[in-house]
Protein backbone atom coordinates (compact mmCIF):
# COMPACT_ATOMS: atom_id res chain seq x y z
CA UNK A 1 14.00 -10.85 40.54
CA UNK A 2 12.04 -8.94 37.93
CA UNK A 3 13.89 -6.32 35.91
CA UNK A 4 13.08 -2.71 36.84
CA UNK A 5 10.50 -1.05 34.58
CA UNK A 6 11.95 1.18 31.89
CA UNK A 7 10.78 4.83 32.10
CA UNK A 8 8.30 5.83 29.40
CA UNK A 9 10.10 8.84 27.90
CA UNK A 10 13.43 10.02 26.54
CA UNK A 11 14.49 13.60 27.13
CA UNK A 12 17.14 14.86 24.72
CA UNK A 13 18.87 18.13 25.63
CA UNK A 14 21.01 19.67 22.90
CA UNK A 15 23.43 22.57 23.34
CA UNK A 16 25.55 24.00 20.51
CA UNK A 17 28.30 26.56 21.03
CA UNK A 18 28.17 29.87 19.18
CA UNK A 19 26.10 30.81 16.16
CA UNK A 20 25.91 27.51 14.24
CA UNK A 21 22.69 28.09 12.33
CA UNK A 22 23.36 25.46 9.65
CA UNK A 23 24.32 22.81 12.20
CA UNK A 24 21.36 23.72 14.40
CA UNK A 25 18.97 23.41 11.45
CA UNK A 26 20.44 20.01 10.52
CA UNK A 27 19.78 18.58 13.97
CA UNK A 28 16.34 20.19 14.12
CA UNK A 29 15.40 18.48 10.84
CA UNK A 30 16.75 15.15 12.06
CA UNK A 31 14.73 15.37 15.27
CA UNK A 32 11.67 16.45 13.36
CA UNK A 33 12.15 13.39 11.14
CA UNK A 34 11.97 11.26 14.28
CA UNK A 35 8.75 12.96 15.30
CA UNK A 36 10.26 14.50 18.45
CA UNK A 37 8.15 16.92 20.46
CA UNK A 38 9.75 20.26 21.35
CA UNK A 39 9.47 21.20 25.03
CA UNK A 40 11.57 24.35 24.52
CA UNK A 41 14.56 25.39 22.44
CA UNK A 42 17.08 22.53 22.54
CA UNK A 43 14.90 20.23 24.68
CA UNK A 44 13.12 17.37 22.91
CA UNK A 45 10.85 14.54 24.03
CA UNK A 46 10.44 11.06 22.49
CA UNK A 47 8.91 7.76 23.59
CA UNK A 48 11.54 5.56 25.23
CA UNK A 49 11.88 3.00 22.46
CA UNK A 50 15.06 1.07 21.70
CA UNK A 51 15.20 2.15 18.04
CA UNK A 52 14.70 5.80 18.95
CA UNK A 53 17.32 5.55 21.70
CA UNK A 54 19.80 4.20 19.14
CA UNK A 55 19.06 7.06 16.74
CA UNK A 56 19.50 9.62 19.50
CA UNK A 57 22.81 8.11 20.55
CA UNK A 58 24.03 8.34 16.94
CA UNK A 59 23.04 11.99 16.96
CA UNK A 60 24.88 12.42 20.26
CA UNK A 61 28.13 11.48 18.51
CA UNK A 62 27.43 13.92 15.69
CA UNK A 63 26.78 16.75 18.15
CA UNK A 64 30.12 16.08 19.85
CA UNK A 65 31.90 16.41 16.49
CA UNK A 66 30.27 19.82 16.08
CA UNK A 67 31.54 21.00 19.47
CA UNK A 68 28.18 20.62 21.14
CA UNK A 69 26.93 18.78 24.19
CA UNK A 70 23.93 16.59 24.84
CA UNK A 71 22.13 14.90 27.66
CA UNK A 72 19.91 11.85 27.28
CA UNK A 73 17.58 11.28 30.22
CA UNK A 74 14.96 8.61 30.83
CA UNK A 75 11.95 10.06 32.62
CA UNK A 76 8.40 9.24 33.66
CA UNK A 77 5.43 11.57 33.77
CA UNK A 78 4.67 12.61 37.34
CA UNK A 79 0.97 11.63 37.02
CA UNK A 80 -1.67 10.58 34.52
CA UNK A 81 -2.47 14.18 33.61
CA UNK A 82 1.13 14.86 32.59
CA UNK A 83 1.32 11.53 30.76
CA UNK A 84 -1.69 12.56 28.70
CA UNK A 85 -0.12 15.98 28.16
CA UNK A 86 3.02 14.33 26.80
CA UNK A 87 1.03 12.04 24.50
CA UNK A 88 -1.00 14.97 23.18
CA UNK A 89 2.24 16.56 21.99
CA UNK A 90 2.54 13.70 19.49
CA UNK A 91 -0.99 14.05 18.12
CA UNK A 92 -0.82 13.80 14.31
CA UNK A 93 -4.53 14.53 13.74
CA UNK A 94 -3.93 17.83 11.85
CA UNK A 95 -1.57 16.06 9.45
CA UNK A 96 -4.10 13.28 8.84
CA UNK A 97 -6.86 15.85 8.33
CA UNK A 98 -4.77 17.64 5.70
CA UNK A 99 -4.30 14.34 3.83
CA UNK A 100 -8.01 13.62 4.05
CA UNK A 101 -8.80 17.03 2.53
CA UNK A 102 -6.37 16.38 -0.33
CA UNK A 103 -7.96 12.96 -0.91
CA UNK A 104 -11.43 14.49 -1.07
CA UNK A 105 -10.24 17.07 -3.60
CA UNK A 106 -8.87 14.31 -5.83
CA UNK A 107 -12.11 12.41 -5.49
CA UNK A 108 -13.98 15.13 -7.39
CA UNK A 109 -11.80 14.40 -10.44
CA UNK A 110 -12.48 10.65 -10.58
CA UNK A 111 -14.19 10.36 -13.96
CA UNK A 112 -14.04 7.69 -16.69
CA UNK A 113 -11.25 8.42 -19.13
CA UNK A 114 -9.42 10.71 -16.71
CA UNK A 115 -9.08 8.58 -13.59
CA UNK A 116 -5.81 6.86 -14.49
CA UNK A 117 -4.01 10.22 -14.47
CA UNK A 118 -4.85 10.51 -10.78
CA UNK A 119 -3.00 7.31 -9.84
CA UNK A 120 0.43 9.00 -9.33
CA UNK A 121 -1.24 11.60 -7.09
CA UNK A 122 -2.88 8.86 -5.06
CA UNK A 123 0.53 7.17 -4.73
CA UNK A 124 2.02 10.45 -3.47
CA UNK A 125 -0.67 10.73 -0.80
CA UNK A 126 -0.01 7.12 0.19
CA UNK A 127 3.70 7.87 0.64
CA UNK A 128 2.84 10.89 2.78
CA UNK A 129 0.50 8.75 4.88
CA UNK A 130 3.21 6.16 5.39
CA UNK A 131 5.69 8.89 6.37
CA UNK A 132 3.31 10.22 9.03
CA UNK A 133 2.63 6.71 10.28
CA UNK A 134 6.36 6.09 10.72
CA UNK A 135 6.48 8.59 13.61
CA UNK A 136 2.88 8.35 14.82
CA UNK A 137 3.67 6.74 18.16
CA UNK A 138 0.11 6.95 19.49
CA UNK A 139 -2.21 6.21 16.52
CA UNK A 140 -5.70 7.62 16.84
CA UNK A 141 -9.01 7.27 15.03
CA UNK A 142 -7.80 9.94 12.58
CA UNK A 143 -5.12 7.53 11.35
CA UNK A 144 -7.61 4.76 10.65
CA UNK A 145 -10.09 7.10 8.97
CA UNK A 146 -7.48 8.67 6.68
CA UNK A 147 -6.16 5.27 5.63
CA UNK A 148 -9.71 4.16 4.83
CA UNK A 149 -10.39 7.33 2.80
CA UNK A 150 -7.23 6.74 0.75
CA UNK A 151 -8.09 3.09 0.14
CA UNK A 152 -11.57 4.07 -1.04
CA UNK A 153 -10.07 6.73 -3.33
CA UNK A 154 -7.67 4.19 -4.86
CA UNK A 155 -10.57 1.82 -5.51
CA UNK A 156 -12.66 4.57 -7.13
CA UNK A 157 -9.74 5.47 -9.40
CA UNK A 158 -9.37 1.82 -10.36
CA UNK A 159 -13.07 1.32 -11.08
CA UNK A 160 -13.33 4.54 -13.10
CA UNK A 161 -10.32 3.38 -15.13
CA UNK A 162 -12.12 0.12 -15.92
CA UNK A 163 -15.87 0.85 -16.07
CA UNK A 164 -16.85 -2.24 -18.09
CA UNK A 165 -16.28 -4.86 -15.38
CA UNK A 166 -18.19 -8.14 -15.90
CA UNK A 167 -21.45 -8.70 -14.07
CA UNK A 168 -21.29 -11.26 -11.26
CA UNK A 169 -22.95 -14.63 -11.97
CA UNK A 170 -24.00 -17.51 -9.78
CA UNK A 171 -23.09 -21.13 -10.31
CA UNK A 172 -20.63 -23.86 -9.43
CA UNK A 173 -16.93 -23.49 -10.20
CA UNK A 174 -15.84 -26.54 -12.21
CA UNK A 175 -12.46 -28.18 -11.71
CA UNK A 176 -10.22 -28.02 -14.78
CA UNK A 177 -7.05 -29.89 -15.71
CA UNK A 178 -4.01 -27.73 -16.28
CA UNK A 179 -2.86 -30.12 -19.03
CA UNK A 180 -5.93 -29.16 -21.09
CA UNK A 181 -4.98 -25.49 -21.05
CA UNK A 182 -1.34 -25.57 -22.11
CA UNK A 183 -0.14 -23.68 -25.19
CA UNK A 184 -3.43 -21.80 -25.56
CA UNK A 185 -4.41 -18.32 -26.67
CA UNK A 186 -6.13 -16.37 -23.91
CA UNK A 187 -8.27 -13.30 -24.54
CA UNK A 188 -9.50 -10.50 -22.30
CA UNK A 189 -10.41 -6.83 -22.53
CA UNK A 190 -7.70 -4.35 -23.51
CA UNK A 191 -5.93 -2.01 -21.05
CA UNK A 192 -6.14 -4.58 -18.25
CA UNK A 193 -6.67 -3.41 -14.70
CA UNK A 194 -6.23 -5.28 -11.41
CA UNK A 195 -8.27 -8.45 -11.99
CA UNK A 196 -7.24 -8.91 -15.63
CA UNK A 197 -3.56 -8.18 -14.99
CA UNK A 198 -3.45 -10.53 -12.01
CA UNK A 199 -5.38 -13.22 -13.88
CA UNK A 200 -3.01 -13.02 -16.87
CA UNK A 201 -0.01 -13.23 -14.53
CA UNK A 202 -1.57 -16.26 -12.80
CA UNK A 203 -2.24 -17.97 -16.14
CA UNK A 204 1.32 -17.55 -17.37
CA UNK A 205 2.91 -18.30 -13.99
CA UNK A 206 0.90 -21.34 -12.85
CA UNK A 207 -1.30 -22.66 -15.67
CA UNK A 208 0.07 -22.03 -19.15
CA UNK A 209 3.71 -20.85 -19.30
CA UNK A 210 3.49 -20.57 -23.12
CA UNK A 211 0.24 -18.59 -23.02
CA UNK A 212 -0.37 -16.00 -25.72
CA UNK A 213 -2.67 -13.09 -24.90
CA UNK A 214 -5.11 -11.22 -27.12
CA UNK A 215 -6.26 -7.84 -25.84
CA UNK A 216 -9.79 -7.15 -27.03
CA UNK A 217 -11.23 -3.76 -27.86
CA UNK A 218 -14.66 -5.41 -27.43
CA UNK A 219 -15.49 -8.82 -25.91
CA UNK A 220 -17.42 -9.79 -29.05
CA UNK A 221 -14.10 -9.74 -30.94
CA UNK A 222 -12.82 -12.76 -28.98
CA UNK A 223 -11.41 -15.41 -31.35
CA UNK A 224 -13.44 -18.64 -31.29
CA UNK A 225 -10.54 -20.88 -30.22
CA UNK A 226 -9.26 -18.47 -27.55
CA UNK A 227 -9.91 -18.97 -23.83
CA UNK A 228 -11.76 -15.86 -22.72
CA UNK A 229 -11.46 -14.43 -19.22
CA UNK A 230 -12.87 -11.52 -17.24
CA UNK A 231 -15.74 -10.42 -19.47
CA UNK A 232 -19.40 -11.37 -19.69
CA UNK A 233 -19.74 -14.74 -21.39
CA UNK A 234 -16.07 -15.66 -20.96
CA UNK A 235 -15.04 -19.18 -19.93
CA UNK A 236 -13.52 -17.73 -16.75
CA UNK A 237 -15.14 -14.69 -15.19
CA UNK A 238 -16.81 -13.51 -11.96
CA UNK A 239 -18.68 -16.43 -10.42
CA UNK A 240 -20.09 -17.45 -7.07
CA UNK A 241 -19.00 -14.22 -5.38
CA UNK A 242 -15.42 -14.54 -6.64
CA UNK A 243 -13.53 -12.30 -9.05
CA UNK A 244 -11.87 -13.85 -12.10
CA UNK A 245 -8.49 -14.32 -10.39
CA UNK A 246 -10.14 -16.27 -7.57
CA UNK A 247 -12.20 -18.30 -10.04
CA UNK A 248 -9.03 -19.33 -11.90
CA UNK A 249 -7.34 -20.29 -8.62
CA UNK A 250 -10.32 -22.44 -7.64
CA UNK A 251 -10.81 -23.91 -11.13
CA UNK A 252 -7.26 -25.24 -11.27
CA UNK A 253 -7.03 -26.42 -7.66
CA UNK A 254 -4.54 -23.81 -6.46
CA UNK A 255 -6.40 -22.79 -3.29
CA UNK A 256 -3.80 -24.25 -0.93
CA UNK A 257 -1.17 -21.74 -2.11
CA UNK A 258 -0.99 -19.06 0.60
CA UNK A 259 0.56 -16.46 -1.70
CA UNK A 260 -2.20 -16.86 -4.28
CA UNK A 261 -4.93 -16.72 -1.65
CA UNK A 262 -3.59 -13.44 -0.32
CA UNK A 263 -3.21 -11.94 -3.78
CA UNK A 264 -6.78 -13.07 -4.39
CA UNK A 265 -7.94 -11.12 -1.34
CA UNK A 266 -6.09 -8.04 -2.61
CA UNK A 267 -7.60 -8.27 -6.10
CA UNK A 268 -11.07 -9.00 -4.70
CA UNK A 269 -10.92 -5.85 -2.57
CA UNK A 270 -9.73 -3.71 -5.49
CA UNK A 271 -12.27 -5.14 -7.91
CA UNK A 272 -15.49 -5.44 -5.91
CA UNK A 273 -14.70 -4.21 -2.39
CA UNK A 274 -14.90 -6.15 0.86
CA UNK A 275 -12.29 -6.54 3.56
CA UNK A 276 -9.54 -3.90 3.23
CA UNK A 277 -6.02 -5.05 2.35
CA UNK A 278 -3.11 -2.83 3.48
CA UNK A 279 -1.26 -3.07 0.14
CA UNK A 280 -4.33 -2.23 -1.96
CA UNK A 281 -3.88 1.52 -2.34
CA UNK A 282 -0.20 1.21 -3.20
CA UNK A 283 -0.77 -1.54 -5.76
CA UNK A 284 -3.61 0.38 -7.41
CA UNK A 285 -1.49 3.53 -7.61
CA UNK A 286 1.47 1.70 -9.16
CA UNK A 287 -0.80 -0.03 -11.65
CA UNK A 288 -2.39 3.28 -12.58
CA UNK A 289 1.05 4.79 -13.13
CA UNK A 290 2.01 1.81 -15.30
CA UNK A 291 -1.05 2.42 -17.47
CA UNK A 292 0.08 6.00 -17.96
CA UNK A 293 3.66 5.27 -19.05
CA UNK A 294 3.38 1.92 -20.87
CA UNK A 295 1.94 1.96 -24.36
CA UNK A 296 1.09 -1.71 -24.98
CA UNK A 297 -0.86 -4.22 -22.94
CA UNK A 298 1.96 -6.77 -23.25
CA UNK A 299 4.30 -4.25 -21.61
CA UNK A 300 1.70 -3.59 -18.94
CA UNK A 301 1.43 -7.32 -18.17
CA UNK A 302 5.20 -7.82 -18.09
CA UNK A 303 5.89 -4.89 -15.76
CA UNK A 304 2.86 -5.46 -13.52
CA UNK A 305 3.81 -9.12 -13.38
CA UNK A 306 7.03 -8.11 -11.66
CA UNK A 307 5.01 -6.37 -8.93
CA UNK A 308 2.78 -9.42 -8.53
CA UNK A 309 5.81 -11.70 -8.38
CA UNK A 310 7.23 -9.64 -5.50
CA UNK A 311 3.87 -9.58 -3.73
CA UNK A 312 3.61 -13.35 -4.16
CA UNK A 313 7.08 -13.85 -2.61
CA UNK A 314 6.21 -11.56 0.30
CA UNK A 315 2.81 -13.15 0.96
CA UNK A 316 4.24 -16.67 0.69
CA UNK A 317 6.93 -16.05 3.30
CA UNK A 318 4.98 -13.73 5.64
CA UNK A 319 1.74 -15.61 6.16
């Protein structure tokens, strides 16, 4: 016999004795944090989800300790019209619209030389978006549009922070032997952004553990015996529709590594666009913040490498 269908909604009725303003405010904030809809004073509505039910039951115990009473009821809407009415009470469109407006304001300040300072503000908007999404039980088009606007803003900040990206070239990616690239000096443009940081991490992590890096003020300053990457004329740079990180992965036969492929997709999106990657805005914001607080490029590589190492572990185990 099939199990009976679980009702769609939880009704939480809260009653506190006397004038307990502080206690009342505490529970109101907790319910607001869950995204509960207010039907009237002390009566709250939530989708009937197991995790929300558990949180409400925890709150039930807290209310009892404060000499209050609660009721938790499972209910269904009486018809489709009421079901839609209930869902409309959880509409987060105004919150998404406010974030979109803030993103558009920041966009006017994306200028070369000033863009990196916007990265912490972009990260703050991303955290706010994630907070809204945590209790957006019926995502709408507004959610998708706001996330896209924020991703585009993060990319603009990144590109304005690194305006001298190499021009794409066409050609065949040649296979290289890792043994031929051990103990080398590698050179790229100073103040590395997404592709250069990720490429340097890849080099040290998978190709040349003893790699030394030279950070160039101008590509023409590249030492003759150094292996150049991610600038026009470098041995490894944008080629065949791939960014430098992807070219390195392909050159050294590392394409079968799931973690590297997924980092490659992230860096590709940040560097030249394409298919959106959920982690892109957050990574770009953290990298922008790192550029603000770290004074040397070696520090920037070391700290950003920690982020890439964690992303690699996550991508490798959550394919």
